[in-house]
PDB file of N, CA and C in Angstrom:
ATOM      1  N   MET A   1     109.415  79.868 113.024  1.00  0.00           N
ATOM      2  CA  MET A   1     108.656  81.147 112.807  1.00  0.00           C
ATOM      3  C   MET A   1     109.296  81.208 111.174  1.00  0.00           C
ATOM      4  N   MET A   2     108.395  81.765 110.006  1.00  0.00           N
ATOM      5  CA  MET A   2     109.038  81.933 108.834  1.00  0.00           C
ATOM      6  C   MET A   2     109.583  83.240 108.776  1.00  0.00           C
ATOM      7  N   LYS A   3     110.201  83.257 107.908  1.00  0.00           N
ATOM      8  CA  LYS A   3     110.948  84.573 107.871  1.00  0.00           C
ATOM      9  C   LYS A   3     110.460  85.278 106.432  1.00  0.00           C
ATOM     10  N   VAL A   4     110.384  86.178 106.406  1.00  0.00           N
ATOM     11  CA  VAL A   4     109.922  86.671 104.930  1.00  0.00           C
ATOM     12  C   VAL A   4     110.802  88.044 104.965  1.00  0.00           C
ATOM     13  N   LEU A   5     111.593  88.005 103.737  1.00  0.00           N
ATOM     14  CA  LEU A   5     112.061  89.295 103.189  1.00  0.00           C
ATOM     15  C   LEU A   5     111.125  90.241 102.079  1.00  0.00           C
ATOM     16  N   VAL A   6     110.686  91.157 102.478  1.00  0.00           N
ATOM     17  CA  VAL A   6     109.830  91.894 101.259  1.00  0.00           C
ATOM     18  C   VAL A   6     110.768  93.190 100.987  1.00  0.00           C
ATOM     19  N   THR A   7     111.180  93.301  99.358  1.00  0.00           N
ATOM     20  CA  THR A   7     111.713  94.054  98.637  1.00  0.00           C
ATOM     21  C   THR A   7     111.499  95.067  98.237  1.00  0.00           C
ATOM     22  N   ASP A   8     110.352  95.457  97.772  1.00  0.00           N
ATOM     23  CA  ASP A   8     109.845  96.594  97.627  1.00  0.00           C
ATOM     24  C   ASP A   8     108.641  96.978  98.218  1.00  0.00           C
ATOM     25  N   LYS A   9     108.362  98.633  97.993  1.00  0.00           N
ATOM     26  CA  LYS A   9     107.161  98.902  98.668  1.00  0.00           C
ATOM     27  C   LYS A   9     105.891  98.205  98.859  1.00  0.00           C
ATOM     28  N   LEU A  10     105.083  98.266  99.937  1.00  0.00           N
ATOM     29  CA  LEU A  10     104.324  97.167 100.154  1.00  0.00           C
ATOM     30  C   LEU A  10     103.524  97.853 101.690  1.00  0.00           C
ATOM     31  N   ALA A  11     101.985  98.017 101.760  1.00  0.00           N
ATOM     32  CA  ALA A  11     101.511  98.826 102.344  1.00  0.00           C
ATOM     33  C   ALA A  11     101.636  98.302 103.515  1.00  0.00           C
ATOM     34  N   ASP A  12     101.904  99.167 104.497  1.00  0.00           N
ATOM     35  CA  ASP A  12     102.042  98.731 106.320  1.00  0.00           C
ATOM     36  C   ASP A  12     100.962  97.964 106.848  1.00  0.00           C
ATOM     37  N   GLU A  13     100.072  98.302 106.512  1.00  0.00           N
ATOM     38  CA  GLU A  13      98.667  97.190 106.790  1.00  0.00           C
ATOM     39  C   GLU A  13      99.242  95.886 106.509  1.00  0.00           C
ATOM     40  N   ALA A  14      99.532  95.630 105.023  1.00  0.00           N
ATOM     41  CA  ALA A  14     100.084  94.134 104.501  1.00  0.00           C
ATOM     42  C   ALA A  14     101.249  93.553 105.058  1.00  0.00           C
ATOM     43  N   ILE A  15     102.113  93.991 105.701  1.00  0.00           N
ATOM     44  CA  ILE A  15     103.430  93.903 106.685  1.00  0.00           C
ATOM     45  C   ILE A  15     102.840  93.482 108.743  1.00  0.00           C
ATOM     46  N   GLU A  16     101.602  94.633 108.649  1.00  0.00           N
ATOM     47  CA  GLU A  16     101.747  94.075 109.849  1.00  0.00           C
ATOM     48  C   GLU A  16     100.554  93.105 110.082  1.00  0.00           C
ATOM     49  N   MET A  17      99.685  92.629 108.945  1.00  0.00           N
ATOM     50  CA  MET A  17      98.788  91.172 108.762  1.00  0.00           C
ATOM     51  C   MET A  17      99.897  90.349 108.654  1.00  0.00           C
ATOM     52  N   LEU A  18     101.328  90.400 107.992  1.00  0.00           N
ATOM     53  CA  LEU A  18     102.236  89.220 108.467  1.00  0.00           C
ATOM     54  C   LEU A  18     102.528  89.198 109.339  1.00  0.00           C
ATOM     55  N   LYS A  19     102.571  89.849 110.046  1.00  0.00           N
ATOM     56  CA  LYS A  19     103.497  89.837 111.508  1.00  0.00           C
ATOM     57  C   LYS A  19     102.315  89.202 112.704  1.00  0.00           C
ATOM     58  N   ASN A  20     101.335  90.230 112.436  1.00  0.00           N
ATOM     59  CA  ASN A  20     100.024  89.507 113.539  1.00  0.00           C
ATOM     60  C   ASN A  20      99.886  87.915 112.987  1.00  0.00           C
ATOM     61  N   ASN A  21     100.616  87.418 111.986  1.00  0.00           N
ATOM     62  CA  ASN A  21      99.966  85.729 111.924  1.00  0.00           C
ATOM     63  C   ASN A  21     101.348  85.363 112.002  1.00  0.00           C
ATOM     64  N   GLY A  22     102.440  85.108 112.453  1.00  0.00           N
ATOM     65  CA  GLY A  22     103.283  84.711 113.179  1.00  0.00           C
ATOM     66  C   GLY A  22     104.635  84.837 111.802  1.00  0.00           C
ATOM     67  N   PHE A  23     104.557  86.015 111.330  1.00  0.00           N
ATOM     68  CA  PHE A  23     105.873  85.770 110.260  1.00  0.00           C
ATOM     69  C   PHE A  23     106.367  86.793 110.605  1.00  0.00           C
ATOM     70  N   GLU A  24     108.243  86.166 110.584  1.00  0.00           N
ATOM     71  CA  GLU A  24     108.976  87.591 110.838  1.00  0.00           C
ATOM     72  C   GLU A  24     109.163  87.866 109.484  1.00  0.00           C
ATOM     73  N   VAL A  25     109.263  89.327 109.485  1.00  0.00           N
ATOM     74  CA  VAL A  25     109.030  89.950 108.853  1.00  0.00           C
ATOM     75  C   VAL A  25     110.715  91.283 108.134  1.00  0.00           C
ATOM     76  N   LYS A  26     111.090  91.286 107.307  1.00  0.00           N
ATOM     77  CA  LYS A  26     111.956  92.175 107.285  1.00  0.00           C
ATOM     78  C   LYS A  26     112.016  92.896 106.058  1.00  0.00           C
ATOM     79  N   TYR A  27     111.644  94.358 105.910  1.00  0.00           N
ATOM     80  CA  TYR A  27     111.531  95.098 104.643  1.00  0.00           C
ATOM     81  C   TYR A  27     112.674  95.605 104.768  1.00  0.00           C
ATOM     82  N   GLU A  28     113.427  95.671 103.364  1.00  0.00           N
ATOM     83  CA  GLU A  28     114.358  96.384 102.980  1.00  0.00           C
ATOM     84  C   GLU A  28     114.460  96.262 101.399  1.00  0.00           C
ATOM     85  N   GLU A  29     114.676  97.632 100.862  1.00  0.00           N
ATOM     86  CA  GLU A  29     115.334  97.889  99.252  1.00  0.00           C
ATOM     87  C   GLU A  29     116.647  97.274  99.180  1.00  0.00           C
ATOM     88  N   LEU A  30     116.620  96.042  98.513  1.00  0.00           N
ATOM     89  CA  LEU A  30     118.186  96.186  98.150  1.00  0.00           C
ATOM     90  C   LEU A  30     118.283  95.878  96.781  1.00  0.00           C
ATOM     91  N   ASP A  31     119.434  96.155  96.120  1.00  0.00           N
ATOM     92  CA  ASP A  31     119.737  96.089  94.879  1.00  0.00           C
ATOM     93  C   ASP A  31     119.939  94.340  94.858  1.00  0.00           C
ATOM     94  N   HIS A  32     120.204  93.964  93.498  1.00  0.00           N
ATOM     95  CA  HIS A  32     120.640  92.679  92.603  1.00  0.00           C
ATOM     96  C   HIS A  32     121.765  91.644  94.062  1.00  0.00           C
ATOM     97  N   ASP A  33     122.963  92.555  94.159  1.00  0.00           N
ATOM     98  CA  ASP A  33     124.108  91.804  94.640  1.00  0.00           C
ATOM     99  C   ASP A  33     123.715  92.040  96.386  1.00  0.00           C
ATOM    100  N   GLY A  34     122.959  92.893  96.854  1.00  0.00           N
ATOM    101  CA  GLY A  34     121.991  92.565  98.266  1.00  0.00           C
ATOM    102  C   GLY A  34     121.136  91.837  98.219  1.00  0.00           C
ATOM    103  N   LEU A  35     120.472  91.484  97.302  1.00  0.00           N
ATOM    104  CA  LEU A  35     119.194  90.535  97.367  1.00  0.00           C
ATOM    105  C   LEU A  35     120.191  89.064  97.651  1.00  0.00           C
ATOM    106  N   LEU A  36     121.139  88.898  96.628  1.00  0.00           N
ATOM    107  CA  LEU A  36     121.506  87.093  96.442  1.00  0.00           C
ATOM    108  C   LEU A  36     122.267  87.427  97.955  1.00  0.00           C
ATOM    109  N   LYS A  37     122.984  88.190  98.503  1.00  0.00           N
ATOM    110  CA  LYS A  37     122.952  87.908  99.764  1.00  0.00           C
ATOM    111  C   LYS A  37     122.429  87.149 101.291  1.00  0.00           C
ATOM    112  N   GLU A  38     121.481  88.260 100.949  1.00  0.00           N
ATOM    113  CA  GLU A  38     120.149  87.961 102.186  1.00  0.00           C
ATOM    114  C   GLU A  38     119.421  86.905 101.772  1.00  0.00           C
ATOM    115  N   ILE A  39     118.736  86.749 100.615  1.00  0.00           N
ATOM    116  CA  ILE A  39     117.839  85.808 100.410  1.00  0.00           C
ATOM    117  C   ILE A  39     117.684  84.351 100.882  1.00  0.00           C
ATOM    118  N   ALA A  40     119.136  83.941 101.316  1.00  0.00           N
ATOM    119  CA  ALA A  40     119.484  82.485 101.467  1.00  0.00           C
ATOM    120  C   ALA A  40     118.739  81.754 103.199  1.00  0.00           C
ATOM    121  N   ASP A  41     118.271  83.171 103.924  1.00  0.00           N
ATOM    122  CA  ASP A  41     118.116  83.258 105.082  1.00  0.00           C
ATOM    123  C   ASP A  41     116.754  83.426 105.172  1.00  0.00           C
ATOM    124  N   TYR A  42     115.970  83.104 104.210  1.00  0.00           N
ATOM    125  CA  TYR A  42     114.186  83.760 104.314  1.00  0.00           C
ATOM    126  C   TYR A  42     113.863  82.675 103.869  1.00  0.00           C
ATOM    127  N   ASP A  43     112.354  82.450 104.521  1.00  0.00           N
ATOM    128  CA  ASP A  43     111.368  81.012 104.031  1.00  0.00           C
ATOM    129  C   ASP A  43     110.893  81.828 102.488  1.00  0.00           C
ATOM    130  N   ALA A  44     110.343  82.704 102.453  1.00  0.00           N
ATOM    131  CA  ALA A  44     109.811  83.496 101.344  1.00  0.00           C
ATOM    132  C   ALA A  44     110.451  84.960 100.976  1.00  0.00           C
ATOM    133  N   LEU A  45     109.912  85.503  99.813  1.00  0.00           N
ATOM    134  CA  LEU A  45     110.404  86.609  99.681  1.00  0.00           C
ATOM    135  C   LEU A  45     108.876  87.489  98.565  1.00  0.00           C
ATOM    136  N   ILE A  46     108.694  88.762  99.169  1.00  0.00           N
ATOM    137  CA  ILE A  46     107.762  89.129  98.526  1.00  0.00           C
ATOM    138  C   ILE A  46     108.389  90.205  97.450  1.00  0.00           C
ATOM    139  N   VAL A  47     107.478  90.278  96.314  1.00  0.00           N
ATOM    140  CA  VAL A  47     108.304  91.670  95.351  1.00  0.00           C
ATOM    141  C   VAL A  47     106.784  91.853  94.873  1.00  0.00           C
ATOM    142  N   ARG A  48     106.963  92.912  94.076  1.00  0.00           N
ATOM    143  CA  ARG A  48     105.854  93.800  93.712  1.00  0.00           C
ATOM    144  C   ARG A  48     106.225  93.876  91.931  1.00  0.00           C
ATOM    145  N   SER A  49     105.546  92.881  91.169  1.00  0.00           N
ATOM    146  CA  SER A  49     105.974  92.947  89.822  1.00  0.00           C
ATOM    147  C   SER A  49     104.569  94.333  88.958  1.00  0.00           C
TER     148      SER A  49
END
């Protein structure tokens, strides 16, 4: 199972779509240091630009 880290506001529907398609999703707003600590444990990162 691929792990996805979402660090910015994302529609609940988008998160549910990922989960329904077999992704493990964690949503957490992180500062720079927090992101550096977490990112190594995930296969993908979703941010809004």
